[in-house]
C-alpha cells in the first residue's frame, strides 16, 4: 500500500466556503487555471464520493476548486473537499495532472499566451483520499448533495455531466474498476 501523503500544514476546517477568483493561481507558462480536488474512496476502494454540481443539481462531479495564491495544491484539494463534500480523510497519493478537454465550454484563460500552442483552460491536480469521516454539517451542505458511487456509476455520471477530464482523473485512481453497467 502507498505511504500516506504527509503534510503538517493542512488547513483548518472552515464553517464557510471561500468564494471569488481574485486569488486564483494560473500556470505561468500556459495560462491554465490550477484546480485541485480529491477522489474520496472508502477503505475497500470500491466506492467514491460524488457531489452534485452547484450550477446543475442533476449533474454529479468530483469535489474540486481553484488553487489560491496562499495554498499548495494539496491544501486546496483538502479545503475544497471539506467545503463541497464534508469529507475528511487521509491523503494516500497525488494523481497525475489532468488537462481540461472541454473546448469552448471550459473556463476562459487570462493573460496573453502563444496562440500556436494548444492551451488547456484548466489543469486538474487530484489526490486520492481514504475517507475517515463524513460530517453531517459542512460549508456547502445546502448547495450540494453527496453520494457513494461505484466506478461504473461514477463514470456514467461524469460522462452524463460532459466532464471527460474528470473521467480521466477517475481512471487514474486506484478504485476497483467494476465493469458491469459501464455506459
N, C-alpha and C. Protein backbone atom coordinates (compact mmCIF):
# COMPACT_ATOMS: atom_id res chain seq x y z
N UNK A 1 0.85 -1.19 0.00
CA UNK A 1 0.00 0.00 0.00
C UNK A 1 0.89 1.25 0.00
N UNK A 2 0.44 2.29 -0.65
CA UNK A 2 1.18 3.53 -0.72
C UNK A 2 1.26 4.17 0.66
N UNK A 3 2.38 4.87 0.90
CA UNK A 3 2.51 5.63 2.14
C UNK A 3 1.60 6.84 2.07
N UNK A 4 0.89 7.16 3.16
CA UNK A 4 0.05 8.36 3.14
C UNK A 4 0.86 9.61 2.85
N UNK A 5 0.29 10.54 2.15
CA UNK A 5 0.90 11.81 1.80
C UNK A 5 0.91 12.66 3.05
N UNK A 6 2.09 13.01 3.55
CA UNK A 6 2.19 13.74 4.82
C UNK A 6 2.38 15.24 4.57
N UNK A 7 1.57 16.05 5.21
CA UNK A 7 1.72 17.49 5.15
C UNK A 7 1.18 18.07 6.45
N UNK A 8 2.07 18.60 7.30
CA UNK A 8 1.62 19.12 8.59
C UNK A 8 0.85 20.44 8.49
N UNK A 9 0.82 21.05 7.32
CA UNK A 9 0.21 22.37 7.18
C UNK A 9 -1.17 22.33 6.54
N UNK A 10 -1.92 21.26 6.75
CA UNK A 10 -3.25 21.18 6.16
C UNK A 10 -4.15 22.24 6.79
N UNK A 11 -5.09 22.78 6.01
CA UNK A 11 -5.91 23.88 6.50
C UNK A 11 -6.86 23.46 7.62
N UNK A 12 -7.20 24.44 8.42
CA UNK A 12 -8.19 24.25 9.48
C UNK A 12 -9.56 24.24 8.80
N UNK A 13 -10.45 23.36 9.27
CA UNK A 13 -11.80 23.31 8.70
C UNK A 13 -12.52 24.61 8.96
N UNK A 14 -13.08 25.16 7.90
CA UNK A 14 -13.83 26.41 7.99
C UNK A 14 -15.32 26.08 7.98
N UNK A 15 -16.12 26.97 8.58
CA UNK A 15 -17.56 26.77 8.54
C UNK A 15 -18.19 27.45 7.32
N UNK A 16 -17.38 28.23 6.58
CA UNK A 16 -17.87 28.88 5.36
C UNK A 16 -16.91 28.57 4.21
N UNK A 17 -17.44 28.57 2.99
CA UNK A 17 -16.63 28.30 1.82
C UNK A 17 -16.00 29.59 1.30
N UNK A 18 -14.77 29.47 0.80
CA UNK A 18 -14.13 30.61 0.13
C UNK A 18 -14.85 30.84 -1.19
N UNK A 19 -14.95 32.09 -1.60
CA UNK A 19 -15.61 32.40 -2.87
C UNK A 19 -14.80 33.44 -3.61
N UNK A 20 -15.01 33.50 -4.93
CA UNK A 20 -14.34 34.51 -5.75
C UNK A 20 -13.09 33.96 -6.40
N UNK A 21 -12.64 34.65 -7.43
CA UNK A 21 -11.47 34.20 -8.17
C UNK A 21 -10.32 35.18 -8.16
N UNK A 22 -10.38 36.21 -7.32
CA UNK A 22 -9.32 37.21 -7.35
C UNK A 22 -7.97 36.67 -6.89
N UNK A 23 -7.97 35.57 -6.11
CA UNK A 23 -6.72 34.98 -5.63
C UNK A 23 -6.37 33.67 -6.32
N UNK A 24 -6.96 33.41 -7.48
CA UNK A 24 -6.73 32.16 -8.19
C UNK A 24 -5.32 32.09 -8.75
N UNK A 25 -4.79 30.87 -8.76
CA UNK A 25 -3.46 30.63 -9.31
C UNK A 25 -3.61 30.10 -10.74
N UNK A 26 -2.75 30.59 -11.63
CA UNK A 26 -2.73 30.17 -13.03
C UNK A 26 -1.33 29.67 -13.36
N UNK A 27 -1.23 28.71 -14.27
CA UNK A 27 0.06 28.20 -14.72
C UNK A 27 0.76 29.33 -15.47
N UNK A 28 1.96 29.69 -15.03
CA UNK A 28 2.66 30.84 -15.63
C UNK A 28 3.10 30.57 -17.07
N UNK A 29 3.21 29.32 -17.46
CA UNK A 29 3.64 29.00 -18.82
C UNK A 29 2.48 28.89 -19.80
N UNK A 30 1.34 28.35 -19.35
CA UNK A 30 0.23 28.10 -20.28
C UNK A 30 -0.98 28.99 -20.04
N UNK A 31 -1.06 29.59 -18.87
CA UNK A 31 -2.23 30.38 -18.53
C UNK A 31 -3.39 29.56 -18.01
N UNK A 32 -3.23 28.24 -17.93
CA UNK A 32 -4.30 27.38 -17.44
C UNK A 32 -4.58 27.66 -15.96
N UNK A 33 -5.86 27.67 -15.61
CA UNK A 33 -6.28 27.83 -14.21
C UNK A 33 -5.93 26.53 -13.47
N UNK A 34 -5.33 26.65 -12.29
CA UNK A 34 -4.96 25.49 -11.49
C UNK A 34 -6.16 25.12 -10.61
N UNK A 35 -6.60 23.88 -10.70
CA UNK A 35 -7.73 23.37 -9.93
C UNK A 35 -7.24 22.14 -9.17
N UNK A 36 -7.69 21.97 -7.93
CA UNK A 36 -7.28 20.80 -7.14
C UNK A 36 -8.48 20.21 -6.42
N UNK A 37 -8.43 18.89 -6.22
CA UNK A 37 -9.51 18.21 -5.54
C UNK A 37 -9.09 16.82 -5.10
N UNK A 38 -10.04 16.10 -4.53
CA UNK A 38 -9.78 14.74 -4.05
C UNK A 38 -10.75 13.75 -4.66
N UNK A 39 -10.23 12.57 -4.93
CA UNK A 39 -11.08 11.43 -5.24
C UNK A 39 -11.15 10.66 -3.93
N UNK A 40 -12.32 10.72 -3.31
CA UNK A 40 -12.54 10.23 -1.95
C UNK A 40 -13.08 8.81 -1.99
N UNK A 41 -12.27 7.85 -1.55
CA UNK A 41 -12.65 6.44 -1.62
C UNK A 41 -12.88 5.86 -0.23
N UNK A 42 -13.72 4.82 -0.22
CA UNK A 42 -13.90 4.08 1.02
C UNK A 42 -12.67 3.20 1.23
N UNK A 43 -12.61 2.53 2.39
CA UNK A 43 -11.43 1.75 2.75
C UNK A 43 -11.17 0.59 1.79
N UNK A 44 -12.23 0.01 1.24
CA UNK A 44 -12.07 -1.13 0.32
C UNK A 44 -11.84 -0.68 -1.13
N UNK A 45 -11.82 0.62 -1.35
CA UNK A 45 -11.55 1.22 -2.66
C UNK A 45 -12.51 0.76 -3.75
N UNK A 46 -13.77 0.49 -3.36
CA UNK A 46 -14.74 0.09 -4.39
C UNK A 46 -15.85 1.14 -4.57
N UNK A 47 -15.75 2.25 -3.83
CA UNK A 47 -16.72 3.34 -3.99
C UNK A 47 -16.03 4.68 -3.75
N UNK A 48 -16.55 5.71 -4.44
CA UNK A 48 -16.06 7.07 -4.23
C UNK A 48 -17.24 7.98 -3.90
N UNK A 49 -16.92 9.12 -3.30
CA UNK A 49 -17.93 10.14 -3.02
C UNK A 49 -18.04 11.05 -4.24
N UNK A 50 -19.26 11.28 -4.67
CA UNK A 50 -19.53 12.27 -5.72
C UNK A 50 -20.45 13.31 -5.12
N UNK A 51 -20.38 14.52 -5.69
CA UNK A 51 -21.22 15.62 -5.21
C UNK A 51 -22.03 16.17 -6.37
N UNK A 52 -23.17 16.75 -6.04
CA UNK A 52 -23.96 17.39 -7.08
C UNK A 52 -23.32 18.74 -7.42
N UNK A 53 -23.39 19.10 -8.68
CA UNK A 53 -22.87 20.39 -9.14
C UNK A 53 -23.72 21.50 -8.53
N UNK A 54 -23.09 22.60 -8.13
CA UNK A 54 -23.87 23.70 -7.57
C UNK A 54 -24.66 24.42 -8.66
N UNK A 55 -24.20 24.37 -9.90
CA UNK A 55 -24.89 25.04 -11.01
C UNK A 55 -25.96 24.15 -11.64
N UNK A 56 -25.70 22.85 -11.69
CA UNK A 56 -26.62 21.90 -12.33
C UNK A 56 -26.89 20.77 -11.34
N UNK A 57 -27.96 20.88 -10.59
CA UNK A 57 -28.26 19.95 -9.49
C UNK A 57 -28.36 18.48 -9.92
N UNK A 58 -28.68 18.23 -11.20
CA UNK A 58 -28.83 16.86 -11.68
C UNK A 58 -27.51 16.28 -12.20
N UNK A 59 -26.42 17.02 -12.10
CA UNK A 59 -25.12 16.55 -12.55
C UNK A 59 -24.25 16.23 -11.35
N UNK A 60 -23.53 15.12 -11.44
CA UNK A 60 -22.68 14.66 -10.36
C UNK A 60 -21.22 14.76 -10.78
N UNK A 61 -20.39 15.33 -9.89
CA UNK A 61 -18.99 15.59 -10.19
C UNK A 61 -18.12 15.20 -8.99
N UNK A 62 -16.83 15.50 -9.09
CA UNK A 62 -15.88 15.26 -8.01
C UNK A 62 -15.62 16.59 -7.28
N UNK A 63 -15.38 16.54 -5.96
CA UNK A 63 -15.09 17.79 -5.25
C UNK A 63 -13.74 18.36 -5.68
N UNK A 64 -13.75 19.63 -6.07
CA UNK A 64 -12.54 20.30 -6.51
C UNK A 64 -12.81 21.78 -6.62
N UNK A 65 -11.73 22.57 -6.71
CA UNK A 65 -11.89 24.00 -6.86
C UNK A 65 -10.57 24.67 -7.15
N UNK A 66 -10.63 25.98 -7.36
CA UNK A 66 -9.45 26.75 -7.76
C UNK A 66 -8.40 26.83 -6.68
N UNK A 67 -7.15 26.61 -7.11
CA UNK A 67 -5.98 26.75 -6.24
C UNK A 67 -5.75 28.24 -6.02
N UNK A 68 -5.62 28.63 -4.76
CA UNK A 68 -5.44 30.04 -4.45
C UNK A 68 -3.98 30.33 -4.10
N UNK A 69 -3.61 31.59 -4.23
CA UNK A 69 -2.22 32.01 -4.11
C UNK A 69 -1.59 31.67 -2.76
N UNK A 70 -2.39 31.57 -1.70
CA UNK A 70 -1.85 31.28 -0.37
C UNK A 70 -1.88 29.80 -0.01
N UNK A 71 -2.11 28.93 -1.00
CA UNK A 71 -2.24 27.49 -0.72
C UNK A 71 -1.38 26.66 -1.68
N UNK A 72 -1.01 25.48 -1.21
CA UNK A 72 -0.45 24.46 -2.11
C UNK A 72 -1.63 23.75 -2.77
N UNK A 73 -1.35 22.96 -3.80
CA UNK A 73 -2.43 22.19 -4.43
C UNK A 73 -3.06 21.22 -3.42
N UNK A 74 -2.24 20.62 -2.56
CA UNK A 74 -2.76 19.70 -1.56
C UNK A 74 -3.70 20.43 -0.60
N UNK A 75 -3.31 21.60 -0.14
CA UNK A 75 -4.16 22.36 0.78
C UNK A 75 -5.49 22.73 0.10
N UNK A 76 -5.43 23.12 -1.17
CA UNK A 76 -6.66 23.43 -1.91
C UNK A 76 -7.54 22.20 -2.01
N UNK A 77 -6.95 21.06 -2.36
CA UNK A 77 -7.72 19.83 -2.53
C UNK A 77 -8.44 19.45 -1.24
N UNK A 78 -7.74 19.51 -0.12
CA UNK A 78 -8.34 19.16 1.18
C UNK A 78 -9.42 20.17 1.56
N UNK A 79 -9.15 21.47 1.34
CA UNK A 79 -10.13 22.51 1.67
C UNK A 79 -11.40 22.36 0.84
N UNK A 80 -11.23 22.22 -0.49
CA UNK A 80 -12.38 22.09 -1.38
C UNK A 80 -13.20 20.84 -1.07
N UNK A 81 -12.52 19.76 -0.75
CA UNK A 81 -13.21 18.51 -0.42
C UNK A 81 -14.04 18.69 0.85
N UNK A 82 -13.49 19.39 1.83
CA UNK A 82 -14.24 19.69 3.05
C UNK A 82 -15.42 20.61 2.75
N UNK A 83 -15.17 21.72 2.04
CA UNK A 83 -16.22 22.70 1.79
C UNK A 83 -17.37 22.12 0.97
N UNK A 84 -17.04 21.37 -0.09
CA UNK A 84 -18.07 20.89 -1.01
C UNK A 84 -18.71 19.58 -0.60
N UNK A 85 -17.96 18.71 0.09
CA UNK A 85 -18.49 17.37 0.38
C UNK A 85 -18.54 17.01 1.86
N UNK A 86 -17.91 17.80 2.72
CA UNK A 86 -17.91 17.46 4.14
C UNK A 86 -17.13 16.20 4.45
N UNK A 87 -16.10 15.95 3.64
CA UNK A 87 -15.30 14.73 3.77
C UNK A 87 -13.94 15.06 4.37
N UNK A 88 -13.51 14.22 5.30
CA UNK A 88 -12.17 14.28 5.86
C UNK A 88 -11.55 12.90 5.70
N UNK A 89 -10.23 12.86 5.62
CA UNK A 89 -9.58 11.57 5.47
C UNK A 89 -8.08 11.69 5.37
N UNK A 90 -7.49 10.63 4.88
CA UNK A 90 -6.03 10.54 4.75
C UNK A 90 -5.68 10.60 3.27
N UNK A 91 -4.79 11.53 2.92
CA UNK A 91 -4.31 11.61 1.55
C UNK A 91 -3.35 10.45 1.32
N UNK A 92 -3.66 9.63 0.32
CA UNK A 92 -2.84 8.45 0.02
C UNK A 92 -1.76 8.79 -1.00
N UNK A 93 -2.15 9.49 -2.07
CA UNK A 93 -1.16 9.85 -3.09
C UNK A 93 -1.69 10.93 -4.00
N UNK A 94 -0.74 11.57 -4.70
CA UNK A 94 -1.09 12.56 -5.73
C UNK A 94 -1.27 11.79 -7.03
N UNK A 95 -2.29 12.16 -7.78
CA UNK A 95 -2.57 11.53 -9.07
C UNK A 95 -1.96 12.37 -10.19
N UNK A 96 -1.81 11.80 -11.38
CA UNK A 96 -1.26 12.58 -12.50
C UNK A 96 -2.15 13.79 -12.82
N UNK A 97 -1.52 14.87 -13.26
CA UNK A 97 -2.25 16.08 -13.66
C UNK A 97 -3.10 15.76 -14.89
N UNK A 98 -4.33 16.25 -14.88
CA UNK A 98 -5.27 16.05 -15.99
C UNK A 98 -5.55 17.42 -16.59
N UNK A 99 -5.47 17.52 -17.91
CA UNK A 99 -5.74 18.79 -18.58
C UNK A 99 -7.19 18.85 -19.02
N UNK A 100 -7.74 20.05 -18.96
CA UNK A 100 -9.13 20.28 -19.35
C UNK A 100 -9.30 19.93 -20.82
N UNK A 101 -10.38 19.26 -21.13
CA UNK A 101 -10.62 18.86 -22.52
C UNK A 101 -12.04 19.21 -22.96
N UNK A 102 -12.60 20.27 -22.36
CA UNK A 102 -13.97 20.63 -22.68
C UNK A 102 -14.10 21.65 -23.79
N UNK A 103 -13.01 22.06 -24.40
CA UNK A 103 -13.10 23.01 -25.51
C UNK A 103 -13.71 24.33 -25.11
N UNK A 104 -14.67 24.81 -25.88
CA UNK A 104 -15.25 26.13 -25.65
C UNK A 104 -16.06 26.22 -24.35
N UNK A 105 -16.43 25.08 -23.76
CA UNK A 105 -17.19 25.08 -22.51
C UNK A 105 -16.28 25.29 -21.29
N UNK A 106 -14.96 25.21 -21.49
CA UNK A 106 -14.03 25.34 -20.38
C UNK A 106 -13.92 26.80 -19.95
N UNK A 107 -13.48 27.03 -18.72
CA UNK A 107 -13.28 28.40 -18.27
C UNK A 107 -12.28 29.14 -19.16
N UNK A 108 -12.45 30.43 -19.30
CA UNK A 108 -11.58 31.24 -20.15
C UNK A 108 -10.26 31.50 -19.43
N UNK A 109 -9.15 31.36 -20.16
CA UNK A 109 -7.84 31.65 -19.57
C UNK A 109 -7.62 33.15 -19.53
N UNK A 110 -6.73 33.59 -18.63
CA UNK A 110 -6.44 35.02 -18.58
C UNK A 110 -5.00 35.25 -19.01
N UNK A 111 -4.71 36.45 -19.49
CA UNK A 111 -3.37 36.78 -19.94
C UNK A 111 -3.19 36.51 -21.43
N UNK A 112 -2.00 36.78 -21.90
CA UNK A 112 -1.69 36.55 -23.31
C UNK A 112 -0.67 35.44 -23.42
N UNK A 113 -0.97 34.44 -24.25
CA UNK A 113 -0.10 33.29 -24.40
C UNK A 113 0.02 32.95 -25.87
N UNK A 114 0.97 32.15 -26.20
CA UNK A 114 1.27 31.79 -27.58
C UNK A 114 0.06 31.15 -28.24
N UNK A 115 -0.53 31.78 -29.27
CA UNK A 115 -1.72 31.22 -29.92
C UNK A 115 -1.43 29.96 -30.75
N UNK A 116 -0.13 29.68 -31.02
CA UNK A 116 0.24 28.49 -31.79
C UNK A 116 0.28 27.22 -30.94
N UNK A 117 0.20 27.40 -29.63
CA UNK A 117 0.25 26.25 -28.73
C UNK A 117 -1.17 26.00 -28.19
N UNK A 118 -1.62 24.74 -28.26
CA UNK A 118 -2.93 24.40 -27.70
C UNK A 118 -2.84 24.54 -26.18
N UNK A 119 -3.59 25.46 -25.63
CA UNK A 119 -3.51 25.76 -24.21
C UNK A 119 -4.72 25.19 -23.48
N UNK A 120 -4.48 24.34 -22.46
CA UNK A 120 -5.62 23.87 -21.67
C UNK A 120 -6.19 25.05 -20.87
N UNK A 121 -7.51 25.08 -20.71
CA UNK A 121 -8.14 26.16 -19.96
C UNK A 121 -7.91 25.96 -18.45
N UNK A 122 -7.84 24.70 -18.04
CA UNK A 122 -7.60 24.36 -16.64
C UNK A 122 -6.73 23.12 -16.58
N UNK A 123 -5.96 23.02 -15.49
CA UNK A 123 -5.26 21.77 -15.21
C UNK A 123 -5.69 21.31 -13.83
N UNK A 124 -6.00 20.03 -13.73
CA UNK A 124 -6.57 19.47 -12.51
C UNK A 124 -5.53 18.65 -11.76
N UNK A 125 -5.35 18.96 -10.49
CA UNK A 125 -4.43 18.26 -9.60
C UNK A 125 -5.30 17.51 -8.58
N UNK A 126 -5.43 16.21 -8.77
CA UNK A 126 -6.24 15.40 -7.85
C UNK A 126 -5.35 14.57 -6.93
N UNK A 127 -5.87 14.34 -5.74
CA UNK A 127 -5.24 13.49 -4.75
C UNK A 127 -6.22 12.39 -4.40
N UNK A 128 -5.68 11.21 -4.13
CA UNK A 128 -6.51 10.10 -3.68
C UNK A 128 -6.62 10.21 -2.16
N UNK A 129 -7.84 10.17 -1.66
CA UNK A 129 -8.10 10.33 -0.24
C UNK A 129 -8.90 9.14 0.26
N UNK A 130 -8.47 8.54 1.36
CA UNK A 130 -9.25 7.49 2.00
C UNK A 130 -10.14 8.17 3.03
N UNK A 131 -11.45 8.02 2.87
CA UNK A 131 -12.42 8.70 3.74
C UNK A 131 -12.30 8.17 5.16
N UNK A 132 -12.18 9.10 6.09
CA UNK A 132 -12.12 8.78 7.50
C UNK A 132 -13.41 9.24 8.19
N UNK A 133 -13.96 10.37 7.69
CA UNK A 133 -15.14 10.94 8.34
C UNK A 133 -16.01 11.67 7.32
N UNK A 134 -17.32 11.41 7.39
CA UNK A 134 -18.32 12.16 6.63
C UNK A 134 -19.09 13.00 7.63
N UNK A 135 -18.89 14.30 7.59
CA UNK A 135 -19.56 15.20 8.53
C UNK A 135 -21.03 15.36 8.18
N UNK A 136 -21.84 15.59 9.19
CA UNK A 136 -23.27 15.84 8.95
C UNK A 136 -23.52 17.29 8.61
N UNK A 137 -22.56 18.16 8.92
CA UNK A 137 -22.66 19.58 8.56
C UNK A 137 -21.35 20.01 7.94
N UNK A 138 -21.44 20.76 6.82
CA UNK A 138 -20.26 21.27 6.14
C UNK A 138 -20.66 22.53 5.39
N UNK A 139 -19.68 23.35 4.97
CA UNK A 139 -20.00 24.67 4.41
C UNK A 139 -21.01 24.68 3.26
N UNK A 140 -20.96 23.76 2.31
CA UNK A 140 -21.85 23.81 1.15
C UNK A 140 -22.98 22.78 1.21
N UNK A 141 -23.33 22.34 2.40
CA UNK A 141 -24.35 21.29 2.53
C UNK A 141 -25.72 21.72 2.01
N UNK A 142 -25.99 23.02 1.99
CA UNK A 142 -27.28 23.49 1.48
C UNK A 142 -27.27 23.64 -0.03
N UNK A 143 -26.08 23.64 -0.65
CA UNK A 143 -25.94 23.80 -2.10
C UNK A 143 -25.77 22.48 -2.83
N UNK A 144 -25.31 21.45 -2.11
CA UNK A 144 -24.92 20.20 -2.77
C UNK A 144 -25.39 18.97 -2.01
N UNK A 145 -25.55 17.90 -2.77
CA UNK A 145 -25.77 16.58 -2.18
C UNK A 145 -24.49 15.78 -2.40
N UNK A 146 -24.36 14.69 -1.66
CA UNK A 146 -23.23 13.78 -1.88
C UNK A 146 -23.74 12.37 -1.87
N UNK A 147 -23.02 11.49 -2.54
CA UNK A 147 -23.42 10.08 -2.54
C UNK A 147 -22.22 9.21 -2.88
N UNK A 148 -22.30 7.95 -2.42
CA UNK A 148 -21.29 6.96 -2.76
C UNK A 148 -21.63 6.38 -4.13
N UNK A 149 -20.61 6.18 -4.95
CA UNK A 149 -20.79 5.58 -6.28
C UNK A 149 -19.69 4.55 -6.54
N UNK A 150 -20.06 3.50 -7.26
CA UNK A 150 -19.05 2.57 -7.75
C UNK A 150 -18.33 3.25 -8.93
N UNK A 151 -17.27 2.63 -9.41
CA UNK A 151 -16.55 3.17 -10.57
C UNK A 151 -17.50 3.35 -11.75
N UNK A 152 -18.27 2.32 -12.08
CA UNK A 152 -19.14 2.41 -13.26
C UNK A 152 -20.21 3.48 -13.08
N UNK A 153 -20.76 3.61 -11.86
CA UNK A 153 -21.76 4.66 -11.60
C UNK A 153 -21.12 6.05 -11.74
N UNK A 154 -19.93 6.20 -11.18
CA UNK A 154 -19.23 7.49 -11.24
C UNK A 154 -18.89 7.85 -12.68
N UNK A 155 -18.38 6.90 -13.43
CA UNK A 155 -18.02 7.16 -14.83
C UNK A 155 -19.26 7.56 -15.62
N UNK A 156 -20.35 6.85 -15.41
CA UNK A 156 -21.61 7.17 -16.08
C UNK A 156 -22.04 8.61 -15.78
N UNK A 157 -21.99 9.00 -14.50
CA UNK A 157 -22.40 10.35 -14.10
C UNK A 157 -21.48 11.42 -14.69
N UNK A 158 -20.19 11.16 -14.72
CA UNK A 158 -19.25 12.15 -15.27
C UNK A 158 -19.41 12.30 -16.78
N UNK A 159 -19.69 11.20 -17.47
CA UNK A 159 -19.95 11.27 -18.92
C UNK A 159 -21.24 12.04 -19.16
N UNK A 160 -22.27 11.72 -18.38
CA UNK A 160 -23.57 12.40 -18.50
C UNK A 160 -23.42 13.90 -18.23
N UNK A 161 -22.51 14.27 -17.33
CA UNK A 161 -22.27 15.67 -16.98
C UNK A 161 -21.31 16.35 -17.96
N UNK A 162 -20.88 15.60 -18.98
CA UNK A 162 -19.97 16.14 -20.01
C UNK A 162 -18.66 16.63 -19.38
N UNK A 163 -18.06 15.78 -18.55
CA UNK A 163 -16.81 16.11 -17.88
C UNK A 163 -15.74 15.05 -18.15
N UNK A 164 -15.27 14.95 -19.41
CA UNK A 164 -14.28 13.93 -19.75
C UNK A 164 -12.97 14.07 -18.98
N UNK A 165 -12.61 15.30 -18.60
CA UNK A 165 -11.38 15.48 -17.84
C UNK A 165 -11.50 14.85 -16.45
N UNK A 166 -12.71 14.82 -15.89
CA UNK A 166 -12.92 14.18 -14.59
C UNK A 166 -12.95 12.66 -14.73
N UNK A 167 -13.39 12.16 -15.90
CA UNK A 167 -13.30 10.72 -16.18
C UNK A 167 -11.83 10.32 -16.21
N UNK A 168 -10.98 11.15 -16.83
CA UNK A 168 -9.54 10.87 -16.86
C UNK A 168 -8.97 10.78 -15.45
N UNK A 169 -9.38 11.70 -14.57
CA UNK A 169 -8.92 11.67 -13.18
C UNK A 169 -9.40 10.40 -12.49
N UNK A 170 -10.67 10.05 -12.67
CA UNK A 170 -11.23 8.84 -12.08
C UNK A 170 -10.45 7.61 -12.54
N UNK A 171 -10.15 7.55 -13.85
CA UNK A 171 -9.43 6.40 -14.40
C UNK A 171 -8.01 6.29 -13.85
N UNK A 172 -7.44 7.39 -13.35
CA UNK A 172 -6.07 7.35 -12.84
C UNK A 172 -5.99 6.91 -11.38
N UNK A 173 -7.12 6.85 -10.68
CA UNK A 173 -7.08 6.47 -9.27
C UNK A 173 -7.15 4.95 -9.11
N UNK A 174 -6.98 4.49 -7.89
CA UNK A 174 -6.91 3.05 -7.66
C UNK A 174 -8.24 2.43 -7.24
N UNK A 175 -9.37 3.05 -7.61
CA UNK A 175 -10.68 2.47 -7.33
C UNK A 175 -10.80 1.13 -8.06
N UNK A 176 -11.50 0.20 -7.44
CA UNK A 176 -11.78 -1.08 -8.08
C UNK A 176 -12.68 -0.79 -9.27
N UNK A 177 -12.25 -1.19 -10.44
CA UNK A 177 -12.98 -0.86 -11.68
C UNK A 177 -13.96 -1.99 -12.01
N UNK A 178 -15.16 -1.89 -11.44
CA UNK A 178 -16.22 -2.83 -11.80
C UNK A 178 -16.58 -2.55 -13.25
N UNK A 179 -16.94 -3.57 -13.99
CA UNK A 179 -17.22 -3.36 -15.40
C UNK A 179 -18.69 -3.53 -15.72
N UNK A 180 -19.47 -4.07 -14.82
CA UNK A 180 -20.89 -4.21 -15.08
C UNK A 180 -21.54 -2.85 -15.15
N UNK A 181 -22.34 -2.65 -16.15
CA UNK A 181 -23.10 -1.42 -16.26
C UNK A 181 -22.29 -0.22 -16.68
N UNK A 182 -21.05 -0.38 -17.18
CA UNK A 182 -20.29 0.77 -17.65
C UNK A 182 -20.97 1.30 -18.91
N UNK A 183 -21.25 2.58 -18.93
CA UNK A 183 -22.01 3.18 -20.01
C UNK A 183 -21.09 3.78 -21.05
